[in-house]
């Protein structure tokens, strides 16, 4: 998700522009929450992935892993 951040921002801005009336303020009021939700999802997925890696390392250390 971090690698495609520029593309995701572009898609979110276009989506916000399409679903709102032709008013700049409305576009901004929809785009900002979309971008914030995207950033929160990037953070949470990274946090969950790091947690899963720790669990996997602990399992490998305990059981060997062949």
N, C-alpha and C. Protein backbone atom coordinates (compact mmCIF):
# COMPACT_ATOMS: atom_id res chain seq x y z
N UNK A 1 0.81 -1.19 0.00
CA UNK A 1 0.00 0.00 0.00
C UNK A 1 0.86 1.26 0.00
N UNK A 2 2.04 1.15 0.59
CA UNK A 2 2.92 2.32 0.60
C UNK A 2 3.52 2.58 -0.77
N UNK A 3 3.73 1.53 -1.53
CA UNK A 3 4.36 1.69 -2.84
C UNK A 3 3.44 2.38 -3.84
N UNK A 4 2.15 2.23 -3.69
CA UNK A 4 1.21 2.82 -4.66
C UNK A 4 0.48 4.02 -4.08
N UNK A 5 1.08 4.68 -3.10
CA UNK A 5 0.44 5.79 -2.41
C UNK A 5 0.05 6.92 -3.38
N UNK A 6 0.94 7.27 -4.31
CA UNK A 6 0.63 8.35 -5.26
C UNK A 6 -0.59 8.01 -6.11
N UNK A 7 -0.64 6.79 -6.60
CA UNK A 7 -1.78 6.36 -7.40
C UNK A 7 -3.06 6.33 -6.56
N UNK A 8 -2.94 5.85 -5.34
CA UNK A 8 -4.11 5.79 -4.46
C UNK A 8 -4.64 7.19 -4.17
N UNK A 9 -3.74 8.14 -3.91
CA UNK A 9 -4.17 9.52 -3.68
C UNK A 9 -4.91 10.06 -4.90
N UNK A 10 -4.36 9.81 -6.07
CA UNK A 10 -5.00 10.27 -7.30
C UNK A 10 -6.40 9.68 -7.44
N UNK A 11 -6.53 8.38 -7.23
CA UNK A 11 -7.82 7.72 -7.37
C UNK A 11 -8.81 8.25 -6.32
N UNK A 12 -8.34 8.48 -5.11
CA UNK A 12 -9.23 9.00 -4.07
C UNK A 12 -9.69 10.42 -4.37
N UNK A 13 -8.79 11.25 -4.90
CA UNK A 13 -9.17 12.62 -5.26
C UNK A 13 -10.18 12.60 -6.40
N UNK A 14 -9.94 11.77 -7.40
CA UNK A 14 -10.89 11.67 -8.52
C UNK A 14 -12.24 11.16 -8.02
N UNK A 15 -12.22 10.17 -7.15
CA UNK A 15 -13.47 9.65 -6.60
C UNK A 15 -14.22 10.74 -5.83
N UNK A 16 -13.50 11.48 -5.01
CA UNK A 16 -14.14 12.56 -4.25
C UNK A 16 -14.72 13.61 -5.18
N UNK A 17 -14.04 13.89 -6.28
CA UNK A 17 -14.52 14.89 -7.23
C UNK A 17 -15.76 14.40 -7.97
N UNK A 18 -15.80 13.12 -8.27
CA UNK A 18 -16.92 12.57 -9.04
C UNK A 18 -18.19 12.47 -8.19
N UNK A 19 -18.05 12.10 -6.92
CA UNK A 19 -19.24 11.84 -6.11
C UNK A 19 -19.82 13.09 -5.46
N UNK A 20 -19.15 14.22 -5.57
CA UNK A 20 -19.66 15.44 -4.95
C UNK A 20 -20.17 16.41 -6.02
N UNK A 21 -20.97 17.35 -5.61
CA UNK A 21 -21.40 18.39 -6.56
C UNK A 21 -20.19 19.22 -7.01
N UNK A 22 -20.32 19.93 -8.11
CA UNK A 22 -19.17 20.69 -8.64
C UNK A 22 -18.85 21.92 -7.78
N UNK A 23 -18.36 21.67 -6.60
CA UNK A 23 -17.99 22.72 -5.66
C UNK A 23 -16.66 22.33 -5.03
N UNK A 24 -15.72 23.24 -5.03
CA UNK A 24 -14.38 22.95 -4.54
C UNK A 24 -14.40 22.56 -3.06
N UNK A 25 -15.20 23.24 -2.28
CA UNK A 25 -15.27 22.95 -0.84
C UNK A 25 -15.80 21.54 -0.60
N UNK A 26 -16.81 21.15 -1.33
CA UNK A 26 -17.35 19.79 -1.18
C UNK A 26 -16.31 18.75 -1.56
N UNK A 27 -15.56 19.02 -2.60
CA UNK A 27 -14.50 18.09 -3.01
C UNK A 27 -13.49 17.90 -1.88
N UNK A 28 -13.08 19.00 -1.29
CA UNK A 28 -12.11 18.93 -0.20
C UNK A 28 -12.69 18.22 1.02
N UNK A 29 -13.95 18.53 1.34
CA UNK A 29 -14.58 17.92 2.51
C UNK A 29 -14.77 16.42 2.37
N UNK A 30 -14.81 15.91 1.17
CA UNK A 30 -14.90 14.47 0.95
C UNK A 30 -13.51 13.86 0.80
N UNK A 31 -12.59 14.56 0.14
CA UNK A 31 -11.27 14.01 -0.12
C UNK A 31 -10.44 13.84 1.15
N UNK A 32 -10.51 14.80 2.05
CA UNK A 32 -9.68 14.72 3.26
C UNK A 32 -10.01 13.48 4.10
N UNK A 33 -11.27 13.18 4.40
CA UNK A 33 -11.54 11.95 5.15
C UNK A 33 -11.12 10.68 4.39
N UNK A 34 -11.27 10.69 3.07
CA UNK A 34 -10.84 9.52 2.29
C UNK A 34 -9.33 9.31 2.42
N UNK A 35 -8.56 10.39 2.34
CA UNK A 35 -7.11 10.28 2.47
C UNK A 35 -6.72 9.87 3.89
N UNK A 36 -7.40 10.40 4.87
CA UNK A 36 -7.12 10.00 6.26
C UNK A 36 -7.43 8.53 6.49
N UNK A 37 -8.53 8.06 5.96
CA UNK A 37 -8.86 6.63 6.10
C UNK A 37 -7.83 5.75 5.40
N UNK A 38 -7.34 6.21 4.26
CA UNK A 38 -6.31 5.45 3.56
C UNK A 38 -5.04 5.37 4.41
N UNK A 39 -4.62 6.50 4.96
CA UNK A 39 -3.41 6.51 5.78
C UNK A 39 -3.57 5.66 7.04
N UNK A 40 -4.75 5.70 7.64
CA UNK A 40 -5.01 4.86 8.80
C UNK A 40 -4.93 3.39 8.43
N UNK A 41 -5.46 3.03 7.27
CA UNK A 41 -5.40 1.63 6.84
C UNK A 41 -3.97 1.20 6.53
N UNK A 42 -3.15 2.11 5.99
CA UNK A 42 -1.74 1.79 5.76
C UNK A 42 -1.05 1.54 7.08
N UNK A 43 -1.30 2.40 8.06
CA UNK A 43 -0.68 2.23 9.38
C UNK A 43 -1.12 0.93 10.03
N UNK A 44 -2.42 0.64 10.03
CA UNK A 44 -2.92 -0.56 10.68
C UNK A 44 -2.45 -1.84 10.00
N UNK A 45 -2.38 -1.83 8.68
CA UNK A 45 -1.91 -3.03 7.99
C UNK A 45 -0.42 -3.26 8.26
N UNK A 46 0.37 -2.19 8.33
CA UNK A 46 1.78 -2.33 8.67
C UNK A 46 1.96 -2.83 10.09
N UNK A 47 1.15 -2.31 10.99
CA UNK A 47 1.22 -2.72 12.40
C UNK A 47 0.84 -4.19 12.54
N UNK A 48 -0.23 -4.60 11.86
CA UNK A 48 -0.64 -6.00 11.91
C UNK A 48 0.37 -6.92 11.27
N UNK A 49 0.98 -6.48 10.18
CA UNK A 49 1.98 -7.29 9.50
C UNK A 49 3.21 -7.50 10.38
N UNK A 50 3.65 -6.42 11.04
CA UNK A 50 4.80 -6.55 11.95
C UNK A 50 4.48 -7.47 13.11
N UNK A 51 3.27 -7.39 13.62
CA UNK A 51 2.85 -8.29 14.70
C UNK A 51 2.84 -9.73 14.25
N UNK A 52 2.36 -9.97 13.04
CA UNK A 52 2.35 -11.34 12.51
C UNK A 52 3.76 -11.87 12.30
N UNK A 53 4.68 -11.01 11.86
CA UNK A 53 6.07 -11.43 11.70
C UNK A 53 6.68 -11.84 13.04
N UNK A 54 6.36 -11.10 14.11
CA UNK A 54 6.86 -11.45 15.43
C UNK A 54 6.32 -12.80 15.88
N UNK A 55 5.05 -13.04 15.63
CA UNK A 55 4.45 -14.33 16.00
C UNK A 55 5.11 -15.45 15.20
N UNK A 56 5.34 -15.23 13.93
CA UNK A 56 6.00 -16.24 13.09
C UNK A 56 7.41 -16.52 13.56
N UNK A 57 8.17 -15.45 13.92
CA UNK A 57 9.54 -15.65 14.43
C UNK A 57 9.53 -16.44 15.73
N UNK A 58 8.59 -16.13 16.61
CA UNK A 58 8.50 -16.86 17.88
C UNK A 58 8.17 -18.33 17.63
N UNK A 59 7.27 -18.58 16.69
CA UNK A 59 6.91 -19.95 16.38
C UNK A 59 8.11 -20.70 15.79
N UNK A 60 8.84 -20.04 14.89
CA UNK A 60 10.03 -20.65 14.29
C UNK A 60 11.07 -20.96 15.36
N UNK A 61 11.27 -20.06 16.30
CA UNK A 61 12.25 -20.27 17.36
C UNK A 61 11.83 -21.43 18.27
N UNK A 62 10.54 -21.56 18.51
CA UNK A 62 10.08 -22.59 19.41
C UNK A 62 10.03 -23.98 18.77
N UNK A 63 9.56 -24.05 17.53
CA UNK A 63 9.33 -25.33 16.91
C UNK A 63 10.33 -25.71 15.83
N UNK A 64 11.28 -24.84 15.54
CA UNK A 64 12.26 -25.20 14.52
C UNK A 64 11.81 -24.89 13.13
N UNK A 65 11.06 -25.21 12.46
CA UNK A 65 10.64 -24.76 11.13
C UNK A 65 11.41 -25.43 10.02
N UNK A 66 11.04 -26.58 9.70
CA UNK A 66 11.66 -27.29 8.60
C UNK A 66 10.62 -27.59 7.56
